[in-house]
Amino acid sequence: MIGSMSFGNVPAGILAGTVEKLLAKTDEDDLAAFYESELSKMPSDVFAAFLEAIFAAFRERGESSEDAAEGARTTLDRIAAREDGAARALLAYARTNPDLIREATALLVARRPDLIGILPSALQTALAERLTQPTA
């Protein structure tokens, strides 16, 4: 379930960098399974931001949004309209691309740090622990 943990006092760059480091240690299959369970519950703005992060990760690899939708055997319109499991198909296609879901998560946090609550609670907890550790 999407949580309410806030990191509003942490600069966006530090937050994104810390999330990226934690994601490197996160099992991508677990991350994908989490998103699969949350897709239907995501508010529209969160859903749109999450999809944009996935498409941005594909574009960084040289694959257009249209190509990604085609690879998922659906269309951009069906994905955006949340039709017939189209977003789930995109997520399944993303899973076939190593590290893409991690990259999309890092992009999401970098672009929309206010949506940190979309992350799995274990990742949010690890983030809170990391950010509250005294610096040496």
N, C-alpha and C. Protein backbone atom coordinates (compact mmCIF):
# COMPACT_ATOMS: atom_id res chain seq x y z
N MET A 1 0.84 -1.18 0.00
CA MET A 1 0.00 0.00 0.00
C MET A 1 0.88 1.24 0.00
N ILE A 2 0.46 2.26 -0.68
CA ILE A 2 1.22 3.48 -0.76
C ILE A 2 1.22 4.15 0.60
N GLY A 3 2.42 4.41 1.10
CA GLY A 3 2.57 4.95 2.44
C GLY A 3 2.56 6.46 2.47
N SER A 4 2.80 6.99 3.64
CA SER A 4 2.76 8.44 3.80
C SER A 4 4.07 8.99 4.36
N MET A 5 5.15 8.23 4.32
CA MET A 5 6.42 8.70 4.83
C MET A 5 6.87 9.91 4.02
N SER A 6 7.37 10.90 4.69
CA SER A 6 7.78 12.13 4.03
C SER A 6 9.25 12.41 4.29
N PHE A 7 9.92 12.88 3.26
CA PHE A 7 11.32 13.27 3.38
C PHE A 7 11.47 14.69 2.85
N GLY A 8 10.45 15.51 3.12
CA GLY A 8 10.39 16.86 2.59
C GLY A 8 11.54 17.75 2.97
N ASN A 9 12.21 17.47 4.09
CA ASN A 9 13.32 18.31 4.51
C ASN A 9 14.66 17.87 3.92
N VAL A 10 14.67 16.80 3.15
CA VAL A 10 15.90 16.30 2.53
C VAL A 10 15.98 16.86 1.11
N PRO A 11 17.10 17.48 0.74
CA PRO A 11 17.24 17.98 -0.63
C PRO A 11 17.01 16.86 -1.65
N ALA A 12 16.30 17.20 -2.72
CA ALA A 12 15.91 16.21 -3.73
C ALA A 12 17.10 15.42 -4.27
N GLY A 13 18.23 16.08 -4.49
CA GLY A 13 19.41 15.39 -5.02
C GLY A 13 19.95 14.34 -4.07
N ILE A 14 19.97 14.67 -2.79
CA ILE A 14 20.46 13.70 -1.79
C ILE A 14 19.47 12.55 -1.69
N LEU A 15 18.19 12.86 -1.68
CA LEU A 15 17.16 11.82 -1.60
C LEU A 15 17.28 10.87 -2.79
N ALA A 16 17.37 11.41 -3.99
CA ALA A 16 17.46 10.58 -5.19
C ALA A 16 18.73 9.74 -5.19
N GLY A 17 19.85 10.33 -4.79
CA GLY A 17 21.12 9.58 -4.75
C GLY A 17 21.08 8.44 -3.74
N THR A 18 20.47 8.70 -2.60
CA THR A 18 20.36 7.67 -1.56
C THR A 18 19.44 6.54 -2.03
N VAL A 19 18.33 6.91 -2.65
CA VAL A 19 17.41 5.90 -3.17
C VAL A 19 18.12 5.05 -4.21
N GLU A 20 18.88 5.68 -5.09
CA GLU A 20 19.60 4.94 -6.13
C GLU A 20 20.57 3.92 -5.52
N LYS A 21 21.27 4.30 -4.47
CA LYS A 21 22.20 3.38 -3.80
C LYS A 21 21.44 2.22 -3.17
N LEU A 22 20.30 2.51 -2.55
CA LEU A 22 19.50 1.45 -1.93
C LEU A 22 18.90 0.52 -2.98
N LEU A 23 18.51 1.08 -4.11
CA LEU A 23 17.93 0.26 -5.18
C LEU A 23 18.93 -0.75 -5.72
N ALA A 24 20.21 -0.41 -5.70
CA ALA A 24 21.23 -1.34 -6.18
C ALA A 24 21.23 -2.63 -5.38
N LYS A 25 20.76 -2.54 -4.13
CA LYS A 25 20.72 -3.72 -3.25
C LYS A 25 19.33 -4.35 -3.19
N THR A 26 18.39 -3.80 -3.94
CA THR A 26 17.01 -4.26 -3.92
C THR A 26 16.79 -5.30 -5.01
N ASP A 27 16.11 -6.38 -4.67
CA ASP A 27 15.78 -7.41 -5.66
C ASP A 27 14.76 -6.84 -6.64
N GLU A 28 15.12 -6.81 -7.91
CA GLU A 28 14.24 -6.21 -8.90
C GLU A 28 12.93 -6.97 -9.06
N ASP A 29 12.95 -8.28 -8.90
CA ASP A 29 11.71 -9.04 -8.98
C ASP A 29 10.76 -8.66 -7.85
N ASP A 30 11.31 -8.45 -6.66
CA ASP A 30 10.49 -8.02 -5.53
C ASP A 30 9.91 -6.63 -5.79
N LEU A 31 10.72 -5.76 -6.35
CA LEU A 31 10.27 -4.40 -6.65
C LEU A 31 9.15 -4.43 -7.70
N ALA A 32 9.33 -5.24 -8.73
CA ALA A 32 8.31 -5.36 -9.77
C ALA A 32 7.02 -5.95 -9.21
N ALA A 33 7.14 -6.95 -8.36
CA ALA A 33 5.96 -7.57 -7.76
C ALA A 33 5.21 -6.55 -6.90
N PHE A 34 5.95 -5.73 -6.19
CA PHE A 34 5.32 -4.68 -5.38
C PHE A 34 4.52 -3.75 -6.28
N TYR A 35 5.13 -3.25 -7.35
CA TYR A 35 4.42 -2.34 -8.24
C TYR A 35 3.20 -3.01 -8.87
N GLU A 36 3.35 -4.27 -9.24
CA GLU A 36 2.20 -4.99 -9.82
C GLU A 36 1.02 -5.00 -8.86
N SER A 37 1.31 -5.18 -7.58
CA SER A 37 0.22 -5.21 -6.60
C SER A 37 -0.36 -3.82 -6.34
N GLU A 38 0.40 -2.78 -6.63
CA GLU A 38 -0.04 -1.41 -6.34
C GLU A 38 -0.66 -0.68 -7.54
N LEU A 39 -0.42 -1.16 -8.75
CA LEU A 39 -0.86 -0.44 -9.94
C LEU A 39 -2.32 -0.01 -9.88
N SER A 40 -3.20 -0.93 -9.55
CA SER A 40 -4.63 -0.62 -9.58
C SER A 40 -5.05 0.34 -8.46
N LYS A 41 -4.21 0.47 -7.44
CA LYS A 41 -4.54 1.33 -6.30
C LYS A 41 -3.94 2.73 -6.42
N MET A 42 -3.04 2.92 -7.37
CA MET A 42 -2.35 4.21 -7.48
C MET A 42 -3.31 5.31 -7.90
N PRO A 43 -3.27 6.44 -7.19
CA PRO A 43 -4.03 7.60 -7.65
C PRO A 43 -3.55 8.01 -9.04
N SER A 44 -4.39 8.69 -9.78
CA SER A 44 -4.08 9.04 -11.18
C SER A 44 -2.75 9.76 -11.34
N ASP A 45 -2.44 10.73 -10.47
CA ASP A 45 -1.20 11.47 -10.62
C ASP A 45 0.02 10.60 -10.35
N VAL A 46 -0.09 9.71 -9.39
CA VAL A 46 1.00 8.78 -9.08
C VAL A 46 1.18 7.80 -10.23
N PHE A 47 0.07 7.28 -10.73
CA PHE A 47 0.09 6.34 -11.85
C PHE A 47 0.78 6.99 -13.06
N ALA A 48 0.39 8.22 -13.38
CA ALA A 48 0.98 8.92 -14.53
C ALA A 48 2.48 9.15 -14.33
N ALA A 49 2.88 9.56 -13.13
CA ALA A 49 4.29 9.79 -12.86
C ALA A 49 5.09 8.50 -12.93
N PHE A 50 4.51 7.41 -12.42
CA PHE A 50 5.18 6.11 -12.46
C PHE A 50 5.36 5.65 -13.91
N LEU A 51 4.31 5.78 -14.71
CA LEU A 51 4.42 5.39 -16.12
C LEU A 51 5.46 6.24 -16.84
N GLU A 52 5.46 7.53 -16.58
CA GLU A 52 6.43 8.40 -17.24
C GLU A 52 7.85 8.00 -16.86
N ALA A 53 8.06 7.60 -15.63
CA ALA A 53 9.39 7.15 -15.20
C ALA A 53 9.79 5.88 -15.94
N ILE A 54 8.85 4.97 -16.12
CA ILE A 54 9.14 3.74 -16.88
C ILE A 54 9.49 4.10 -18.32
N PHE A 55 8.67 4.94 -18.94
CA PHE A 55 8.95 5.32 -20.32
C PHE A 55 10.28 6.07 -20.43
N ALA A 56 10.59 6.91 -19.46
CA ALA A 56 11.87 7.63 -19.48
C ALA A 56 13.04 6.65 -19.40
N ALA A 57 12.90 5.62 -18.57
CA ALA A 57 13.96 4.61 -18.47
C ALA A 57 14.13 3.88 -19.81
N PHE A 58 13.04 3.59 -20.46
CA PHE A 58 13.14 2.97 -21.80
C PHE A 58 13.81 3.93 -22.78
N ARG A 59 13.42 5.20 -22.74
CA ARG A 59 14.01 6.17 -23.68
C ARG A 59 15.51 6.32 -23.45
N GLU A 60 15.94 6.27 -22.17
CA GLU A 60 17.38 6.35 -21.89
C GLU A 60 18.14 5.19 -22.49
N ARG A 61 17.44 4.11 -22.78
CA ARG A 61 18.05 2.93 -23.42
C ARG A 61 17.84 2.93 -24.92
N GLY A 62 17.26 4.02 -25.45
CA GLY A 62 17.09 4.13 -26.88
C GLY A 62 15.80 3.54 -27.42
N GLU A 63 14.86 3.25 -26.55
CA GLU A 63 13.58 2.68 -26.97
C GLU A 63 12.49 3.71 -26.71
N SER A 64 11.77 4.10 -27.74
CA SER A 64 10.73 5.10 -27.57
C SER A 64 9.58 4.56 -26.72
N SER A 65 8.75 5.47 -26.25
CA SER A 65 7.57 5.05 -25.49
C SER A 65 6.67 4.15 -26.33
N GLU A 66 6.52 4.51 -27.60
CA GLU A 66 5.70 3.71 -28.51
C GLU A 66 6.28 2.31 -28.68
N ASP A 67 7.61 2.24 -28.81
CA ASP A 67 8.27 0.94 -28.93
C ASP A 67 8.07 0.10 -27.67
N ALA A 68 8.15 0.75 -26.51
CA ALA A 68 7.95 0.03 -25.25
C ALA A 68 6.52 -0.51 -25.17
N ALA A 69 5.55 0.33 -25.55
CA ALA A 69 4.16 -0.13 -25.54
C ALA A 69 3.98 -1.29 -26.51
N GLU A 70 4.59 -1.18 -27.67
CA GLU A 70 4.50 -2.26 -28.66
C GLU A 70 5.15 -3.54 -28.13
N GLY A 71 6.29 -3.38 -27.46
CA GLY A 71 6.95 -4.53 -26.85
C GLY A 71 6.08 -5.21 -25.81
N ALA A 72 5.22 -4.41 -25.17
CA ALA A 72 4.30 -4.93 -24.16
C ALA A 72 3.00 -5.43 -24.81
N ARG A 73 2.96 -5.35 -26.14
CA ARG A 73 1.79 -5.79 -26.92
C ARG A 73 0.52 -5.03 -26.56
N THR A 74 0.71 -3.71 -26.44
CA THR A 74 -0.42 -2.83 -26.15
C THR A 74 -0.14 -1.48 -26.79
N THR A 75 -0.92 -0.47 -26.43
CA THR A 75 -0.73 0.88 -26.98
C THR A 75 -0.58 1.88 -25.85
N LEU A 76 -0.02 3.03 -26.19
CA LEU A 76 0.12 4.09 -25.20
C LEU A 76 -1.25 4.52 -24.67
N ASP A 77 -2.23 4.61 -25.56
CA ASP A 77 -3.57 5.03 -25.15
C ASP A 77 -4.17 4.05 -24.15
N ARG A 78 -4.02 2.76 -24.41
CA ARG A 78 -4.59 1.76 -23.49
C ARG A 78 -3.87 1.80 -22.14
N ILE A 79 -2.56 2.02 -22.17
CA ILE A 79 -1.81 2.11 -20.92
C ILE A 79 -2.29 3.32 -20.12
N ALA A 80 -2.36 4.47 -20.78
CA ALA A 80 -2.78 5.71 -20.10
C ALA A 80 -4.20 5.61 -19.57
N ALA A 81 -5.06 4.91 -20.28
CA ALA A 81 -6.46 4.77 -19.87
C ALA A 81 -6.67 3.65 -18.85
N ARG A 82 -5.57 2.96 -18.52
CA ARG A 82 -5.64 1.86 -17.54
C ARG A 82 -6.57 0.75 -18.02
N GLU A 83 -6.57 0.52 -19.31
CA GLU A 83 -7.45 -0.48 -19.91
C GLU A 83 -6.87 -1.89 -19.85
N ASP A 84 -7.72 -2.84 -19.53
CA ASP A 84 -7.46 -4.28 -19.71
C ASP A 84 -6.05 -4.74 -19.37
N GLY A 85 -5.52 -4.32 -18.27
CA GLY A 85 -4.20 -4.78 -17.85
C GLY A 85 -3.06 -4.27 -18.70
N ALA A 86 -3.27 -3.20 -19.45
CA ALA A 86 -2.22 -2.68 -20.32
C ALA A 86 -1.00 -2.20 -19.52
N ALA A 87 -1.23 -1.54 -18.40
CA ALA A 87 -0.11 -1.08 -17.58
C ALA A 87 0.64 -2.27 -16.98
N ARG A 88 -0.11 -3.29 -16.61
CA ARG A 88 0.52 -4.51 -16.08
C ARG A 88 1.38 -5.17 -17.17
N ALA A 89 0.91 -5.12 -18.41
CA ALA A 89 1.68 -5.67 -19.53
C ALA A 89 2.97 -4.87 -19.73
N LEU A 90 2.89 -3.55 -19.58
CA LEU A 90 4.09 -2.72 -19.69
C LEU A 90 5.08 -3.06 -18.59
N LEU A 91 4.58 -3.24 -17.39
CA LEU A 91 5.45 -3.60 -16.28
C LEU A 91 6.09 -4.97 -16.51
N ALA A 92 5.32 -5.91 -17.06
CA ALA A 92 5.87 -7.23 -17.37
C ALA A 92 6.97 -7.11 -18.43
N TYR A 93 6.75 -6.27 -19.42
CA TYR A 93 7.77 -6.05 -20.44
C TYR A 93 9.01 -5.39 -19.82
N ALA A 94 8.79 -4.44 -18.93
CA ALA A 94 9.91 -3.78 -18.26
C ALA A 94 10.75 -4.80 -17.48
N ARG A 95 10.09 -5.80 -16.91
CA ARG A 95 10.80 -6.83 -16.15
C ARG A 95 11.77 -7.63 -17.02
N THR A 96 11.51 -7.68 -18.32
CA THR A 96 12.40 -8.43 -19.21
C THR A 96 13.66 -7.65 -19.56
N ASN A 97 13.74 -6.42 -19.11
CA ASN A 97 14.88 -5.55 -19.35
C ASN A 97 15.63 -5.35 -18.02
N PRO A 98 16.76 -6.02 -17.84
CA PRO A 98 17.48 -5.96 -16.57
C PRO A 98 17.69 -4.53 -16.07
N ASP A 99 17.40 -4.31 -14.80
CA ASP A 99 17.59 -3.06 -14.08
C ASP A 99 16.66 -1.92 -14.50
N LEU A 100 15.78 -2.13 -15.46
CA LEU A 100 14.92 -1.05 -15.91
C LEU A 100 13.97 -0.57 -14.82
N ILE A 101 13.42 -1.46 -14.04
CA ILE A 101 12.49 -1.05 -12.99
C ILE A 101 13.23 -0.29 -11.89
N ARG A 102 14.44 -0.69 -11.59
CA ARG A 102 15.25 0.07 -10.64
C ARG A 102 15.51 1.48 -11.18
N GLU A 103 15.89 1.55 -12.45
CA GLU A 103 16.18 2.84 -13.07
C GLU A 103 14.93 3.71 -13.08
N ALA A 104 13.79 3.14 -13.39
CA ALA A 104 12.54 3.90 -13.41
C ALA A 104 12.21 4.42 -12.01
N THR A 105 12.46 3.61 -10.99
CA THR A 105 12.19 4.03 -9.62
C THR A 105 13.10 5.20 -9.24
N ALA A 106 14.36 5.12 -9.61
CA ALA A 106 15.30 6.21 -9.33
C ALA A 106 14.88 7.48 -10.06
N LEU A 107 14.45 7.34 -11.30
CA LEU A 107 13.98 8.51 -12.06
C LEU A 107 12.73 9.11 -11.43
N LEU A 108 11.83 8.26 -10.97
CA LEU A 108 10.61 8.74 -10.33
C LEU A 108 10.94 9.59 -9.12
N VAL A 109 11.83 9.11 -8.27
CA VAL A 109 12.20 9.85 -7.06
C VAL A 109 12.94 11.13 -7.42
N ALA A 110 13.80 11.08 -8.43
CA ALA A 110 14.54 12.27 -8.83
C ALA A 110 13.61 13.35 -9.37
N ARG A 111 12.61 12.93 -10.12
CA ARG A 111 11.68 13.88 -10.73
C ARG A 111 10.56 14.31 -9.80
N ARG A 112 10.12 13.38 -8.96
CA ARG A 112 8.97 13.65 -8.08
C ARG A 112 9.26 13.15 -6.67
N PRO A 113 10.17 13.82 -5.96
CA PRO A 113 10.48 13.37 -4.60
C PRO A 113 9.26 13.38 -3.67
N ASP A 114 8.25 14.14 -4.03
CA ASP A 114 7.02 14.17 -3.23
C ASP A 114 6.27 12.84 -3.28
N LEU A 115 6.63 11.98 -4.22
CA LEU A 115 5.96 10.68 -4.36
C LEU A 115 6.77 9.55 -3.73
N ILE A 116 7.64 9.87 -2.81
CA ILE A 116 8.46 8.85 -2.16
C ILE A 116 7.59 7.76 -1.53
N GLY A 117 6.36 8.10 -1.19
CA GLY A 117 5.45 7.14 -0.58
C GLY A 117 5.05 5.99 -1.48
N ILE A 118 5.38 6.07 -2.76
CA ILE A 118 5.08 4.97 -3.67
C ILE A 118 6.03 3.79 -3.47
N LEU A 119 7.17 4.05 -2.86
CA LEU A 119 8.17 3.00 -2.68
C LEU A 119 7.70 1.96 -1.66
N PRO A 120 8.19 0.74 -1.80
CA PRO A 120 7.86 -0.28 -0.80
C PRO A 120 8.29 0.18 0.59
N SER A 121 7.52 -0.20 1.59
CA SER A 121 7.80 0.27 2.95
C SER A 121 9.21 -0.12 3.42
N ALA A 122 9.69 -1.28 3.03
CA ALA A 122 11.05 -1.69 3.43
C ALA A 122 12.09 -0.72 2.86
N LEU A 123 11.88 -0.28 1.65
CA LEU A 123 12.80 0.67 1.03
C LEU A 123 12.69 2.04 1.71
N GLN A 124 11.48 2.45 2.05
CA GLN A 124 11.30 3.71 2.77
C GLN A 124 11.98 3.66 4.13
N THR A 125 11.86 2.54 4.82
CA THR A 125 12.48 2.38 6.13
C THR A 125 14.00 2.44 6.01
N ALA A 126 14.54 1.73 5.03
CA ALA A 126 15.99 1.76 4.81
C ALA A 126 16.46 3.17 4.46
N LEU A 127 15.66 3.86 3.69
CA LEU A 127 15.98 5.24 3.32
C LEU A 127 16.01 6.13 4.56
N ALA A 128 15.00 6.00 5.40
CA ALA A 128 14.94 6.79 6.64
C ALA A 128 16.15 6.49 7.53
N GLU A 129 16.50 5.22 7.64
CA GLU A 129 17.66 4.85 8.46
C GLU A 129 18.94 5.45 7.89
N ARG A 130 19.09 5.36 6.60
CA ARG A 130 20.29 5.88 5.94
C ARG A 130 20.41 7.39 6.10
N LEU A 131 19.28 8.07 5.98
CA LEU A 131 19.30 9.53 6.03
C LEU A 131 19.42 10.09 7.45
N THR A 132 19.14 9.26 8.45
CA THR A 132 19.24 9.74 9.83
C THR A 132 20.53 9.28 10.52
N GLN A 133 21.37 8.53 9.81
CA GLN A 133 22.65 8.12 10.38
C GLN A 133 23.55 9.35 10.52
N PRO A 134 24.24 9.44 11.65
CA PRO A 134 25.18 10.56 11.78
C PRO A 134 26.32 10.41 10.78
N THR A 135 26.74 11.51 10.24
CA THR A 135 27.85 11.47 9.29
C THR A 135 29.16 11.49 10.04
N ALA A 136 30.12 10.74 9.53
CA ALA A 136 31.43 10.65 10.22
C ALA A 136 32.38 11.66 9.67
